[in-house]
Amino acid sequence: MTAHVDGKTVRVGGPRLLEQAGQAELSEAGRWRGEGAIILHVLVEQDGAEPVVVGALALADEVRDESRQAVDALHKLGIQVVMITGDAQTVAGVVSRSFSTTLSTVTPSASAVKFVMIRWRSTGFATARMSSAET
């Protein structure tokens, strides 16, 4: 995203933006990423000078209470829960560990195939969007 504010060009974006600008990410980004966040950096450019990284945003999924309750109920019934996602491995791992579930990461186009394979092997299935990131 690009905006022009008070004669400055402000850009917000991920790793590709940093690469294009020839800039390094902020030191906090690695820790945030390890906690499951997606990092967006804020770069400012003034009067044609090189863009400078002035900040970053850490975006993370928040697990819905009703999702946690549903997974807990399934665990109490002795049902193994598998989380299938196309999210980045680190992000998905944080959410999966918080649920004590098995994690399977796939490309978005492969999600349906994986879902059908799991349904075929089990006696039942359930789906839910576990985070509120898209609401």
Protein backbone atom coordinates (compact mmCIF):
# COMPACT_ATOMS: atom_id res chain seq x y z
CA MET A 1 0.00 0.00 0.00
CA THR A 2 1.29 3.45 -0.83
CA ALA A 3 0.17 6.83 0.48
CA HIS A 4 1.46 10.37 0.06
CA VAL A 5 1.54 12.29 3.34
CA ASP A 6 2.98 15.77 3.79
CA GLY A 7 5.26 15.45 0.76
CA LYS A 8 6.50 12.00 1.80
CA THR A 9 5.77 8.64 0.21
CA VAL A 10 4.76 6.08 2.82
CA ARG A 11 4.70 2.39 1.87
CA VAL A 12 3.48 -0.56 3.91
CA GLY A 13 4.22 -4.12 2.86
CA GLY A 14 5.89 -7.44 3.47
CA PRO A 15 9.20 -8.99 2.49
CA ARG A 16 8.88 -8.10 -1.19
CA LEU A 17 8.65 -4.39 -0.37
CA LEU A 18 11.81 -4.59 1.74
CA GLU A 19 13.61 -6.47 -1.04
CA GLN A 20 12.57 -3.93 -3.67
CA ALA A 21 13.73 -1.07 -1.45
CA GLY A 22 16.99 -2.81 -0.54
CA GLN A 23 16.17 -2.50 3.15
CA ALA A 24 16.45 -4.93 6.07
CA GLU A 25 13.60 -5.75 8.39
CA LEU A 26 13.51 -4.44 11.94
CA SER A 27 15.21 -6.63 14.54
CA GLU A 28 11.92 -7.31 16.36
CA ALA A 29 10.47 -8.96 13.25
CA GLY A 30 12.17 -12.30 13.84
CA ARG A 31 10.77 -12.63 17.36
CA TRP A 32 7.29 -11.60 16.22
CA ARG A 33 7.40 -14.09 13.35
CA GLY A 34 8.39 -16.80 15.83
CA GLU A 35 5.26 -15.96 17.80
CA GLY A 36 3.16 -16.54 14.68
CA ALA A 37 2.79 -13.00 13.37
CA ILE A 38 2.91 -11.82 9.79
CA ILE A 39 5.13 -8.75 9.55
CA LEU A 40 4.41 -5.62 7.53
CA HIS A 41 7.06 -2.91 7.43
CA VAL A 42 6.51 0.82 7.05
CA LEU A 43 8.92 2.68 4.78
CA VAL A 44 9.10 6.44 4.23
CA GLU A 45 10.71 8.17 1.27
CA GLN A 46 11.11 11.92 1.00
CA ASP A 47 12.26 14.01 -1.98
CA GLY A 48 13.51 10.99 -3.94
CA ALA A 49 15.85 9.85 -1.17
CA GLU A 50 16.24 6.15 -0.36
CA PRO A 51 13.27 4.77 1.55
CA VAL A 52 13.87 4.28 5.28
CA VAL A 53 12.22 1.65 7.48
CA VAL A 54 10.44 3.61 10.21
CA GLY A 55 8.28 0.93 11.77
CA ALA A 56 6.60 -2.42 11.51
CA LEU A 57 3.25 -4.03 12.22
CA ALA A 58 2.87 -7.53 13.66
CA LEU A 59 -0.41 -9.13 12.54
CA ALA A 60 -1.47 -12.33 14.26
CA ASP A 61 -4.54 -14.54 14.25
CA GLU A 62 -6.63 -14.55 17.37
CA VAL A 63 -8.20 -17.92 18.11
CA ARG A 64 -11.95 -17.72 18.57
CA ASP A 65 -13.34 -18.88 21.92
CA GLU A 66 -15.95 -21.07 20.23
CA SER A 67 -13.24 -22.77 18.17
CA ARG A 68 -11.22 -23.56 21.28
CA GLN A 69 -14.34 -24.93 22.99
CA ALA A 70 -15.17 -27.13 19.99
CA VAL A 71 -11.65 -28.56 19.78
CA ASP A 72 -11.57 -29.16 23.54
CA ALA A 73 -14.91 -31.00 23.33
CA LEU A 74 -13.61 -33.19 20.49
CA HIS A 75 -10.46 -34.00 22.47
CA LYS A 76 -12.59 -35.02 25.48
CA LEU A 77 -14.41 -37.46 23.18
CA GLY A 78 -11.07 -38.96 22.18
CA ILE A 79 -11.17 -37.52 18.66
CA GLN A 80 -7.90 -36.52 17.04
CA VAL A 81 -8.19 -33.06 15.53
CA VAL A 82 -6.21 -32.14 12.41
CA MET A 83 -5.77 -28.52 11.41
CA ILE A 84 -5.46 -28.12 7.64
CA THR A 85 -4.29 -24.72 6.47
CA GLY A 86 -2.58 -22.88 3.68
CA ASP A 87 -1.07 -20.39 6.15
CA ALA A 88 2.67 -20.00 6.56
CA GLN A 89 4.22 -22.86 8.56
CA THR A 90 5.25 -20.67 11.51
CA VAL A 91 1.84 -19.02 11.81
CA ALA A 92 0.00 -22.32 11.47
CA GLY A 93 2.29 -23.99 14.00
CA VAL A 94 1.54 -21.42 16.68
CA VAL A 95 -2.22 -21.84 16.25
CA SER A 96 -1.98 -25.63 16.05
CA ARG A 97 0.11 -25.86 19.23
CA SER A 98 -2.37 -23.66 21.08
CA PHE A 99 -5.05 -26.28 20.26
CA SER A 100 -2.84 -29.35 20.75
CA THR A 101 -3.81 -30.50 17.27
CA THR A 102 -2.01 -32.22 14.44
CA LEU A 103 -0.96 -29.76 11.75
CA SER A 104 -1.10 -30.28 8.02
CA THR A 105 -0.08 -27.38 5.82
CA VAL A 106 -1.12 -27.44 2.20
CA THR A 107 -1.48 -25.10 -0.72
CA PRO A 108 -4.96 -23.57 -0.93
CA SER A 109 -5.78 -25.66 -4.02
CA ALA A 110 -4.82 -28.87 -2.19
CA SER A 111 -7.00 -28.14 0.86
CA ALA A 112 -10.09 -29.75 -0.65
CA VAL A 113 -8.20 -32.89 -1.59
CA LYS A 114 -6.73 -33.25 1.90
CA PHE A 115 -10.14 -32.65 3.46
CA VAL A 116 -11.74 -35.39 1.35
CA MET A 117 -8.94 -37.85 2.23
CA ILE A 118 -9.38 -37.24 5.95
CA ARG A 119 -13.15 -37.50 5.75
CA TRP A 120 -12.88 -40.82 3.94
CA ARG A 121 -10.65 -42.23 6.68
CA SER A 122 -12.78 -41.17 9.63
CA THR A 123 -16.29 -41.64 10.90
CA GLY A 124 -17.09 -37.94 10.93
CA PHE A 125 -15.74 -34.49 10.30
CA ALA A 126 -16.27 -30.90 11.22
CA THR A 127 -15.09 -27.63 9.74
CA ALA A 128 -14.63 -24.26 11.33
CA ARG A 129 -12.73 -21.10 10.73
CA MET A 130 -10.58 -21.06 13.86
CA SER A 131 -9.39 -17.48 13.79
CA SER A 132 -11.05 -14.14 13.53
CA ALA A 133 -8.53 -12.68 11.10
CA GLU A 134 -11.00 -12.66 8.20
CA THR A 135 -14.02 -11.35 10.04
